[in-house]
Protein backbone atom coordinates (compact mmCIF):
# COMPACT_ATOMS: atom_id res chain seq x y z
CA MET A 1 0.27 0.22 0.14
CA SER A 2 1.25 3.58 -0.77
CA ASP A 3 2.35 6.41 1.46
CA LEU A 4 0.42 8.83 -0.98
CA PRO A 5 -2.94 10.17 -0.17
CA SER A 6 -6.23 9.20 -1.67
CA VAL A 7 -7.32 11.46 -3.95
CA THR A 8 -10.86 12.91 -4.62
CA THR A 9 -12.50 14.02 -7.91
CA ILE A 10 -15.24 15.85 -7.76
CA LEU A 11 -17.40 16.63 -11.06
CA LYS A 12 -20.16 18.95 -10.77
CA ILE A 13 -22.48 18.05 -14.56
CA HIS A 14 -25.02 20.12 -16.33
CA GLY A 15 -27.90 17.21 -16.46
CA LYS A 16 -30.27 18.11 -19.61
CA PRO A 17 -33.49 19.17 -18.82
CA GLY A 18 -36.49 16.81 -18.20
CA TYR A 19 -33.13 13.93 -18.20
CA GLU A 20 -32.91 14.46 -14.87
CA GLN A 21 -33.56 10.36 -13.38
CA GLU A 22 -31.56 9.39 -16.65
CA CYS A 23 -28.52 11.75 -15.61
CA LEU A 24 -28.44 9.97 -11.84
CA HIS A 25 -28.44 6.76 -13.48
CA TRP A 26 -25.44 7.31 -15.98
CA MET A 27 -23.71 8.53 -13.13
CA GLU A 28 -24.61 5.37 -10.76
CA GLU A 29 -23.68 3.19 -13.78
CA THR A 30 -20.37 5.23 -14.31
CA ALA A 31 -19.18 4.95 -10.70
CA SER A 32 -19.66 0.86 -11.34
CA ILE A 33 -17.83 1.34 -13.94
CA ALA A 34 -15.10 3.19 -11.82
CA GLY A 35 -15.24 0.59 -9.29
CA SER A 36 -14.11 -2.18 -11.03
CA PHE A 37 -11.30 -0.86 -11.74
CA THR A 38 -7.44 -1.14 -9.21
CA GLY A 39 -7.79 1.58 -6.30
CA PHE A 40 -11.04 2.64 -6.52
CA LEU A 41 -12.42 3.22 -2.75
CA ASP A 42 -15.35 5.35 -2.95
CA LYS A 43 -18.01 7.17 -4.55
CA GLU A 44 -20.86 9.75 -3.76
CA ILE A 45 -23.18 10.96 -6.23
CA TYR A 46 -25.62 14.19 -4.93
CA ARG A 47 -28.20 16.51 -6.50
CA SER A 48 -26.32 20.11 -6.46
CA VAL A 49 -28.12 22.89 -3.71
CA GLU A 50 -27.72 25.26 -6.48
CA ALA A 51 -29.99 26.19 -9.06
CA GLY A 52 -30.78 24.11 -12.14
CA ASN A 53 -29.71 20.52 -13.05
CA LEU A 54 -26.65 20.20 -11.40
CA PHE A 55 -25.15 16.64 -10.13
CA LEU A 56 -22.20 16.13 -7.85
CA ASN A 57 -20.37 12.85 -8.89
CA ILE A 58 -17.43 12.23 -5.98
CA PHE A 59 -15.41 9.69 -6.93
CA THR A 60 -12.05 8.52 -4.41
CA PHE A 61 -9.30 6.67 -5.61
CA ARG A 62 -6.26 5.11 -3.52
CA SER A 63 -3.91 7.02 -5.38
CA LEU A 64 -2.91 9.50 -8.39
CA ASN A 65 -2.39 7.02 -10.85
CA ASP A 66 -4.99 4.99 -9.74
CA LEU A 67 -7.47 7.73 -10.46
CA GLU A 68 -5.30 8.65 -14.17
CA ALA A 69 -5.46 4.96 -15.12
CA TRP A 70 -9.31 5.07 -14.80
CA GLU A 71 -9.39 8.63 -16.63
CA ARG A 72 -7.63 7.26 -19.36
CA SER A 73 -9.83 4.08 -19.88
CA GLU A 74 -11.13 3.50 -22.59
CA GLN A 75 -14.19 2.17 -20.51
CA ARG A 76 -14.37 6.08 -19.00
CA LYS A 77 -14.57 7.33 -22.52
CA TRP A 78 -17.25 5.28 -23.62
CA GLN A 79 -19.09 5.96 -20.64
CA THR A 80 -18.49 9.55 -21.37
CA ARG A 81 -19.64 9.23 -25.12
CA LYS A 82 -23.07 7.78 -23.84
CA GLY A 83 -23.56 9.93 -20.81
CA GLU A 84 -23.94 13.06 -23.65
CA ASN A 85 -27.08 12.25 -24.46
CA VAL A 86 -28.18 13.25 -20.57
CA PHE A 87 -25.93 16.12 -19.68
CA ASP A 88 -25.00 19.23 -20.95
CA GLY A 89 -21.29 19.34 -19.80
CA ILE A 90 -18.66 19.23 -16.84
CA VAL A 91 -19.33 22.29 -15.31
CA TYR A 92 -16.47 22.32 -12.40
CA LYS A 93 -13.95 19.46 -11.53
CA ARG A 94 -11.55 19.20 -8.96
CA GLN A 95 -9.16 16.90 -7.53
CA LEU A 96 -8.26 16.82 -4.11
CA SER A 97 -5.90 14.85 -1.68
CA GLY A 98 -5.14 14.51 2.17
CA LEU A 99 -6.70 18.09 3.83
CA GLU A 100 -7.22 20.24 0.55
CA PHE A 101 -11.03 19.96 1.04
CA TRP A 102 -10.44 21.87 4.75
CA PHE A 103 -8.35 24.38 2.43
CA PRO A 104 -10.41 25.33 -0.92
CA PRO A 105 -8.21 27.93 -3.11
CA LYS A 106 -9.51 30.86 -4.03
CA GLU A 107 -11.68 31.09 -7.16
CA SER A 108 -8.55 33.08 -8.77
CA GLY A 109 -7.44 29.73 -9.84
CA GLN A 110 -4.48 29.84 -7.06
CA GLN A 111 -3.28 26.03 -5.64
CA PRO A 112 -4.07 25.14 -2.81
CA PRO A 113 -1.90 25.94 0.07
CA LEU A 114 1.45 24.38 0.87
CA LYS A 115 0.99 20.81 2.57
CA TRP A 116 3.22 21.78 5.84
CA LYS A 117 0.47 25.01 6.39
CA MET A 118 -2.36 22.99 6.22
CA ALA A 119 -0.88 20.18 8.42
CA THR A 120 -0.03 22.95 11.19
CA VAL A 121 -3.33 24.47 11.13
CA THR A 122 -5.09 21.22 11.55
CA ILE A 123 -3.05 20.14 14.05
CA ALA A 124 -3.25 23.37 15.78
CA VAL A 125 -6.97 23.50 15.51
CA ILE A 126 -7.43 19.40 16.83
CA PHE A 127 -5.13 20.17 19.80
CA LEU A 128 -7.50 22.96 20.71
CA LEU A 129 -10.62 21.26 20.54
CA LEU A 130 -8.78 18.10 22.32
CA ASN A 131 -7.71 20.13 24.94
CA THR A 132 -10.94 22.50 25.57
CA LEU A 133 -13.94 20.78 23.99
CA MET A 134 -13.35 17.22 24.67
CA PRO A 135 -13.06 17.41 28.13
CA PHE A 136 -16.32 19.17 28.28
CA LEU A 137 -17.96 16.62 26.13
CA GLN A 138 -17.11 14.02 28.06
CA ARG A 139 -18.21 15.37 31.54
CA ALA A 140 -21.43 15.78 29.59
CA PHE A 141 -21.67 12.23 28.40
CA ILE A 142 -20.84 10.71 31.74
CA VAL A 143 -23.59 12.51 32.78
CA LEU A 144 -26.10 11.41 30.43
CA GLY A 145 -25.18 7.93 30.69
CA VAL A 146 -23.70 7.19 27.25
CA PRO A 147 -21.31 4.39 27.20
CA GLY A 148 -17.26 4.50 26.99
CA LEU A 149 -17.28 3.93 23.28
CA LEU A 150 -20.00 6.05 22.23
CA LYS A 151 -18.61 9.08 23.91
CA SER A 152 -15.76 9.03 21.91
CA LEU A 153 -17.57 8.72 18.66
CA PHE A 154 -19.79 11.40 19.53
CA GLY A 155 -17.02 13.37 20.57
CA VAL A 156 -15.07 12.93 17.19
CA LEU A 157 -18.53 13.38 15.16
CA ALA A 158 -18.55 16.82 17.32
CA ILE A 159 -15.17 18.07 16.43
CA VAL A 160 -15.06 16.83 12.87
CA GLY A 161 -18.60 18.23 12.55
CA LEU A 162 -17.26 22.02 13.40
CA MET A 163 -14.01 21.51 11.91
CA THR A 164 -15.88 20.53 8.46
CA TYR A 165 -18.35 23.42 8.62
CA LEU A 166 -17.52 26.37 11.18
CA ILE A 167 -13.56 26.44 12.37
CA MET A 168 -11.85 25.71 9.20
CA PRO A 169 -14.05 27.96 6.77
CA ALA A 170 -13.69 30.31 9.46
CA ILE A 171 -9.77 29.88 10.11
CA THR A 172 -8.98 29.65 6.51
CA ARG A 173 -10.53 33.06 6.05
CA LEU A 174 -8.72 34.62 8.60
CA LEU A 175 -5.30 33.19 7.77
CA SER A 176 -6.00 33.41 3.91
CA SER A 177 -3.08 35.91 3.13
CA TRP A 178 -0.77 33.40 5.11
CA LEU A 179 -2.03 30.30 3.92
CA SER A 180 -1.63 31.81 0.28
CA LYS A 181 2.01 32.77 0.46
CA ARG A 182 4.42 30.98 -1.43
C-alpha cells in the first residue's frame, strides 16, 4: 500500500432538462464501472443544492496513478460519450488529496496552500479542540450515561463537524494571506 494520500475528484455535471433521472442513472452506472478499477475506494452522488439541473459526482481513488488509469481508460471514454445524451457538460472539475478539502483555493485559480501549512493549521485546531471541547463533552456524556466507545464516537463526530462546517472555513478566511503565500 502507498504512503501517498488518496485522491478525490469532484465533478459538477449539468444534466439536460427533463433527463434528471437518466443523468442520475448514468452517474450510478459510471460509478459502478469505475468501481471495477484498481484503487477505487468510494463514490458519492448528489443533486447539487444550487439552482438548475446540477449533480455532483465524487470519486475517491487510493492514489493519483489509480485515478489517472481510470481517467485514461477506454471504459471511461465510452461511458462519457454515452452520457452526452443526458448531460450538457461538466461545469466544474477538481481533484483533492489529503487535507485540501478544508483549504479551498480562492476562485482566482490559485493553488491550495502548501501541505505543511495545511498540516500546521489542522494540528493546531485539533489540539485546541481536544483540550477544550473534548473534556467538556466527555463530562456531559458521563452525566447522560453514554457508554465508553460512544462517548469517543460522539466527540469525534462533534469535532469533525465543527471543523468542517464552522472552524476551518473561518480559520482559512482569517489566515488566507499567510496560507496563500508560497
